Amino acid sequence: MQATNWTLGAPRAESARHITARHVRLAVFVSLACSALVQASAADGSPSVTGAVAGGNAVGADGLARCDKTLGVLRIDEDTNSNWYRAYGTRLGSTAPLLNMMVMQSNCFVVVERGTGERGVNAETQRARGDEARESATRGKGQQVVADYLLKPEIVMAKQGSEGSSVGLAKLGKVLGLPGVGGMTAGLKSSEAGAVLTLVDIRSTVRLAAAEGRAKDSSFVVGGGGIGGGLGGVGRAYSETDEGKLITSAFADAYNKLVVAVRQYKAQKVEGGLGEGGGLGVQGGSTQASKAVGN
């Protein structure tokens, strides 16, 4: 069967009404193909990171979990020597500004300035204590706040353009009077990102909480053969999601889970005390659990 050419230009022998009808059928064709795939692809509900924050007041933080009570002072610490940072950080930049916004909007922690901003703080502090600075009773020593906790981010997985669900379009095209779709198929190409956040107690170095977040986005594509060049970009309903936005959603998902975890935090207890040998003894050992085993 000869393929029908669905170009948007007006064929010489067809009326304007006929052209409109064909265009409507083509639009319905693409719409139904998309609908057939909706059930196979869950919509990504990860929150976005937008708005502003000042102290405990946040604006535009919809979708981010919050704390009624601030839990302590936090430092965000990226491992710039790690494999994940070499793979993504050099291309997308630091995750610190993004995480700063999330943490501050949540009101769960007070964030202290570290990294490049700290160099500016130290330079101004040194200037204030020099001979050329104005006299001030508010610039004495002992004012900087030290963090209680460390937040360690990590990108654990990012995958773009993997094949997802697909459906054949031949029968659908025949019903709508579009025999030219031939062996075409409609499908979803998905991109995924994963991120992990770990909360560490600075004084004890104990890891207090960890959470993994994921984000996924799907793009609708039509492929195969049978429709003429007039389709152009009509078959693609969604453009591919930018890698940075996808990773942002993964971190937002991870942080929301972390907030839920710390709000329900329960300290672990080890018999004999942390770092005192633990509760698993060995014969002839010196720990309390080992002494209980005997010789």
Protein backbone atom coordinates (compact mmCIF):
# COMPACT_ATOMS: atom_id res chain seq x y z
CA MET A 1 0.00 0.00 0.00
CA GLN A 2 1.37 3.40 -0.93
CA ALA A 3 2.10 5.65 2.04
CA THR A 4 0.04 8.81 2.37
CA ASN A 5 2.08 11.99 2.59
CA TRP A 6 0.85 14.05 5.55
CA THR A 7 2.62 17.28 4.73
CA LEU A 8 1.31 20.51 6.20
CA GLY A 9 1.46 22.26 2.83
CA ALA A 10 -1.79 22.26 0.86
CA PRO A 11 -1.96 19.55 -1.89
CA ARG A 12 -3.14 21.02 -5.17
CA ALA A 13 -6.18 18.75 -5.67
CA GLU A 14 -7.65 18.93 -2.13
CA SER A 15 -10.01 21.42 -0.61
CA ALA A 16 -9.23 23.38 2.56
CA ARG A 17 -11.93 21.41 4.38
CA HIS A 18 -10.33 18.10 3.40
CA ILE A 19 -6.92 19.32 4.58
CA THR A 20 -8.36 20.36 7.94
CA ALA A 21 -10.03 16.98 8.42
CA ARG A 22 -6.77 15.15 7.76
CA HIS A 23 -4.90 17.37 10.16
CA VAL A 24 -7.52 16.73 12.85
CA ARG A 25 -7.23 12.97 12.32
CA LEU A 26 -3.45 13.25 12.58
CA ALA A 27 -3.72 15.21 15.83
CA VAL A 28 -6.13 12.62 17.26
CA PHE A 29 -3.76 9.88 16.11
CA VAL A 30 -0.80 11.36 18.01
CA SER A 31 -2.94 12.13 21.07
CA LEU A 32 -4.27 8.58 21.32
CA ALA A 33 -0.80 7.16 20.86
CA CYS A 34 0.40 9.27 23.78
CA SER A 35 -2.56 8.17 25.90
CA ALA A 36 -1.77 4.53 25.21
CA LEU A 37 1.59 5.02 26.85
CA VAL A 38 0.54 7.11 29.85
CA GLN A 39 -0.36 4.01 31.85
CA ALA A 40 3.11 2.59 31.25
CA SER A 41 4.94 5.68 32.51
CA ALA A 42 4.32 7.21 35.92
CA ALA A 43 4.54 10.98 36.01
CA ASP A 44 7.51 12.34 37.87
CA GLY A 45 6.30 14.13 41.00
CA SER A 46 9.63 15.32 42.31
CA PRO A 47 9.58 18.86 43.68
CA SER A 48 11.43 21.69 42.02
CA VAL A 49 13.80 24.01 43.88
CA THR A 50 12.73 27.63 43.40
CA GLY A 51 11.80 30.70 45.40
CA ALA A 52 13.69 32.37 48.23
CA VAL A 53 14.42 32.05 51.94
CA ALA A 54 15.39 34.38 54.78
CA GLY A 55 15.95 32.82 58.17
CA GLY A 56 12.99 30.64 59.04
CA ASN A 57 10.72 32.13 56.36
CA ALA A 58 10.65 30.53 52.91
CA VAL A 59 8.90 31.64 49.71
CA GLY A 60 8.09 29.33 46.80
CA ALA A 61 9.22 26.15 48.57
CA ASP A 62 6.22 24.10 47.45
CA GLY A 63 6.92 20.37 47.55
CA LEU A 64 9.88 20.57 49.97
CA ALA A 65 9.50 19.05 53.44
CA ARG A 66 9.92 21.43 56.40
CA CYS A 67 10.74 21.23 60.09
CA ASP A 68 8.86 23.18 62.76
CA LYS A 69 11.98 23.10 64.93
CA THR A 70 15.54 23.82 63.76
CA LEU A 71 17.75 20.86 64.66
CA GLY A 72 21.25 22.33 64.55
CA VAL A 73 23.98 23.88 62.40
CA LEU A 74 24.92 22.23 59.12
CA ARG A 75 27.92 22.27 56.80
CA ILE A 76 27.54 21.01 53.21
CA ASP A 77 30.63 19.12 52.14
CA GLU A 78 31.22 17.90 48.58
CA ASP A 79 34.00 15.44 47.90
CA THR A 80 35.48 17.15 44.85
CA ASN A 81 38.01 14.33 44.44
CA SER A 82 35.35 11.62 44.13
CA ASN A 83 34.42 9.84 40.90
CA TRP A 84 30.88 11.23 40.88
CA TYR A 85 32.13 14.82 41.13
CA ARG A 86 34.64 14.32 38.33
CA ALA A 87 31.85 12.91 36.17
CA TYR A 88 29.14 15.47 36.92
CA GLY A 89 30.53 18.37 38.94
CA THR A 90 33.01 19.44 36.30
CA ARG A 91 30.17 19.59 33.76
CA LEU A 92 27.22 20.83 35.87
CA GLY A 93 29.02 22.71 38.64
CA SER A 94 28.82 22.44 42.41
CA THR A 95 25.71 21.03 44.09
CA ALA A 96 26.27 23.26 47.14
CA PRO A 97 24.13 26.24 46.03
CA LEU A 98 21.24 23.89 45.23
CA LEU A 99 21.51 22.06 48.55
CA ASN A 100 21.92 25.34 50.45
CA MET A 101 18.57 26.48 49.12
CA MET A 102 16.85 23.19 49.98
CA VAL A 103 18.19 23.05 53.53
CA MET A 104 17.47 26.69 54.31
CA GLN A 105 13.94 26.50 52.91
CA SER A 106 13.23 23.41 55.02
CA ASN A 107 14.09 25.24 58.30
CA CYS A 108 15.59 21.98 59.60
CA PHE A 109 19.16 23.32 59.88
CA VAL A 110 21.07 26.59 59.98
CA VAL A 111 23.65 26.50 57.16
CA VAL A 112 27.15 27.94 57.66
CA GLU A 113 29.21 29.38 54.82
CA ARG A 114 32.11 27.24 53.71
CA GLY A 115 34.06 26.71 50.49
CA THR A 116 34.66 29.73 48.27
CA GLY A 117 32.46 32.01 50.39
CA GLU A 118 34.54 31.26 53.46
CA ARG A 119 37.61 32.75 51.81
CA GLY A 120 35.77 36.05 51.47
CA VAL A 121 34.65 35.89 55.10
CA ASN A 122 38.18 35.24 56.30
CA ALA A 123 39.55 38.08 54.17
CA GLU A 124 37.05 40.54 55.64
CA THR A 125 37.71 39.30 59.17
CA GLN A 126 41.43 39.84 58.68
CA ARG A 127 40.79 43.33 57.28
CA ALA A 128 38.53 44.21 60.23
CA ARG A 129 41.30 43.37 62.66
CA GLY A 130 43.90 45.38 60.76
CA ASP A 131 45.08 48.91 61.41
CA GLU A 132 43.02 50.51 58.61
CA ALA A 133 39.59 49.25 59.70
CA ARG A 134 37.17 51.43 61.64
CA GLU A 135 36.86 50.76 65.32
CA SER A 136 33.94 48.43 66.10
CA ALA A 137 32.86 46.67 69.25
CA THR A 138 31.10 43.97 67.20
CA ARG A 139 34.12 42.51 65.38
CA GLY A 140 35.87 40.77 68.22
CA LYS A 141 37.00 37.16 68.28
CA GLY A 142 34.79 34.18 69.12
CA GLN A 143 31.79 35.00 66.93
CA GLN A 144 31.90 32.44 64.13
CA VAL A 145 29.47 29.54 64.39
CA VAL A 146 30.82 25.99 64.10
CA ALA A 147 28.73 23.26 62.46
CA ASP A 148 27.15 20.40 64.38
CA TYR A 149 26.46 18.25 61.35
CA LEU A 150 27.93 17.49 57.94
CA LEU A 151 25.77 16.87 54.86
CA LYS A 152 27.50 14.79 52.17
CA PRO A 153 25.91 14.72 48.68
CA GLU A 154 26.59 12.11 46.02
CA ILE A 155 25.22 11.43 42.54
CA VAL A 156 24.97 7.66 42.27
CA MET A 157 23.32 7.16 38.86
CA ALA A 158 22.30 9.15 35.82
CA LYS A 159 20.95 7.53 32.68
CA GLN A 160 19.61 9.29 29.61
CA GLY A 161 17.58 8.15 26.63
CA SER A 162 16.89 4.52 27.56
CA GLU A 163 14.08 2.79 25.67
CA GLY A 164 10.78 2.40 27.47
CA SER A 165 7.31 1.15 26.59
CA SER A 166 6.09 1.17 22.98
CA VAL A 167 2.89 0.44 21.08
CA GLY A 168 2.18 -0.38 17.44
CA LEU A 169 0.21 2.28 15.55
CA ALA A 170 -0.94 0.41 12.43
CA LYS A 171 -4.41 -0.52 13.76
CA LEU A 172 -4.94 2.91 15.29
CA GLY A 173 -4.04 4.59 12.01
CA LYS A 174 -6.41 2.33 10.06
CA VAL A 175 -9.35 3.22 12.35
CA LEU A 176 -8.67 6.92 11.90
CA GLY A 177 -8.25 6.65 8.15
CA LEU A 178 -4.48 7.06 8.19
CA PRO A 179 -3.28 3.98 6.28
CA GLY A 180 0.13 5.55 5.73
CA VAL A 181 1.32 4.87 9.29
CA GLY A 182 2.41 1.40 8.16
CA GLY A 183 4.80 -0.20 10.65
CA MET A 184 5.22 2.83 12.86
CA THR A 185 5.46 2.61 16.63
CA ALA A 186 5.14 5.14 19.42
CA GLY A 187 7.41 4.83 22.41
CA LEU A 188 8.86 6.43 25.50
CA LYS A 189 12.49 7.27 26.04
CA SER A 190 13.27 7.81 29.70
CA SER A 191 16.04 9.57 31.59
CA GLU A 192 16.81 8.78 35.22
CA ALA A 193 18.95 10.28 37.98
CA GLY A 194 19.77 9.09 41.49
CA ALA A 195 21.29 10.94 44.44
CA VAL A 196 22.27 10.11 48.03
CA LEU A 197 22.50 12.46 51.03
CA THR A 198 24.29 11.42 54.23
CA LEU A 199 24.05 13.32 57.53
CA VAL A 200 27.09 13.01 59.84
CA ASP A 201 27.52 14.11 63.46
CA ILE A 202 30.77 16.12 63.45
CA ARG A 203 31.72 15.60 67.09
CA SER A 204 31.42 11.82 67.08
CA THR A 205 31.79 11.22 63.28
CA VAL A 206 28.73 8.94 63.51
CA ARG A 207 26.49 8.82 60.46
CA LEU A 208 23.04 9.76 61.71
CA ALA A 209 20.86 9.46 58.62
CA ALA A 210 20.99 8.74 54.90
CA ALA A 211 18.47 8.96 52.09
CA GLU A 212 18.38 8.10 48.40
CA GLY A 213 16.35 10.06 45.88
CA ARG A 214 15.42 9.33 42.28
CA ALA A 215 13.88 11.27 39.42
CA LYS A 216 12.65 10.09 36.05
CA ASP A 217 11.38 11.82 32.95
CA SER A 218 9.89 10.35 29.77
CA SER A 219 9.81 11.73 26.23
CA PHE A 220 7.22 10.60 23.66
CA VAL A 221 8.68 9.60 20.31
CA VAL A 222 7.19 8.26 17.08
CA GLY A 223 9.39 6.10 14.89
CA GLY A 224 9.34 3.49 12.17
CA GLY A 225 8.03 4.41 8.73
CA GLY A 226 4.98 5.09 6.63
CA ILE A 227 4.22 8.76 7.31
CA GLY A 228 5.73 11.26 4.92
CA GLY A 229 8.05 14.10 5.78
CA GLY A 230 5.19 16.39 6.84
CA LEU A 231 5.21 15.08 10.45
CA GLY A 232 8.43 16.84 11.30
CA GLY A 233 8.45 17.52 15.05
CA VAL A 234 4.72 16.86 15.53
CA GLY A 235 5.24 13.34 16.92
CA ARG A 236 7.43 14.48 19.81
CA ALA A 237 5.20 15.76 22.60
CA TYR A 238 7.93 16.37 25.14
CA SER A 239 11.55 17.41 24.71
CA GLU A 240 14.27 15.54 26.56
CA THR A 241 14.75 16.73 30.14
CA ASP A 242 17.92 18.65 30.89
CA GLU A 243 20.37 16.57 32.94
CA GLY A 244 20.82 19.24 35.55
CA LYS A 245 17.08 19.59 36.20
CA LEU A 246 16.74 15.83 36.55
CA ILE A 247 19.56 15.65 39.11
CA THR A 248 17.99 18.57 40.98
CA SER A 249 14.76 16.60 41.29
CA ALA A 250 16.69 13.56 42.55
CA PHE A 251 18.38 15.62 45.28
CA ALA A 252 15.04 17.19 46.24
CA ASP A 253 13.53 13.72 46.56
CA ALA A 254 16.48 12.56 48.68
CA TYR A 255 16.31 15.62 50.94
CA ASN A 256 12.57 15.23 51.51
CA LYS A 257 13.18 11.65 52.62
CA LEU A 258 16.06 12.77 54.84
CA VAL A 259 13.84 15.35 56.55
CA VAL A 260 11.21 12.69 57.26
CA ALA A 261 13.93 10.45 58.72
CA VAL A 262 15.46 13.09 61.02
CA ARG A 263 12.05 14.17 62.27
CA GLN A 264 11.56 10.57 63.41
CA TYR A 265 15.17 10.13 64.58
CA LYS A 266 15.86 7.63 67.33
CA ALA A 267 19.40 7.33 68.69
CA GLN A 268 21.04 3.91 68.50
CA LYS A 269 22.37 2.42 71.71
CA VAL A 270 25.22 -0.05 71.98
CA GLU A 271 25.76 -2.09 75.11
CA GLY A 272 28.86 -0.80 76.89
CA GLY A 273 28.86 2.46 74.94
CA LEU A 274 29.81 3.58 71.45
CA GLY A 275 33.40 2.79 70.59
CA GLU A 276 33.86 0.59 73.64
CA GLY A 277 34.08 -2.72 71.82
CA GLY A 278 30.46 -3.30 70.92
CA GLY A 279 28.15 -6.11 71.88
CA LEU A 280 29.86 -8.88 69.91
CA GLY A 281 32.60 -10.47 71.98
CA VAL A 282 35.45 -12.84 71.14
CA GLN A 283 37.15 -15.38 73.35
CA GLY A 284 40.08 -13.90 75.25
CA GLY A 285 39.23 -10.30 74.27
CA SER A 286 39.37 -7.29 76.60
CA THR A 287 36.02 -5.66 75.80
CA GLN A 288 33.05 -6.03 78.08
CA ALA A 289 31.30 -8.33 75.61
CA SER A 290 34.49 -10.44 75.21
CA LYS A 291 34.89 -10.80 78.97
CA ALA A 292 31.38 -12.15 79.10
CA VAL A 293 32.42 -14.85 76.62
CA GLY A 294 35.30 -16.04 78.85
CA ASN A 295 38.39 -18.01 77.89
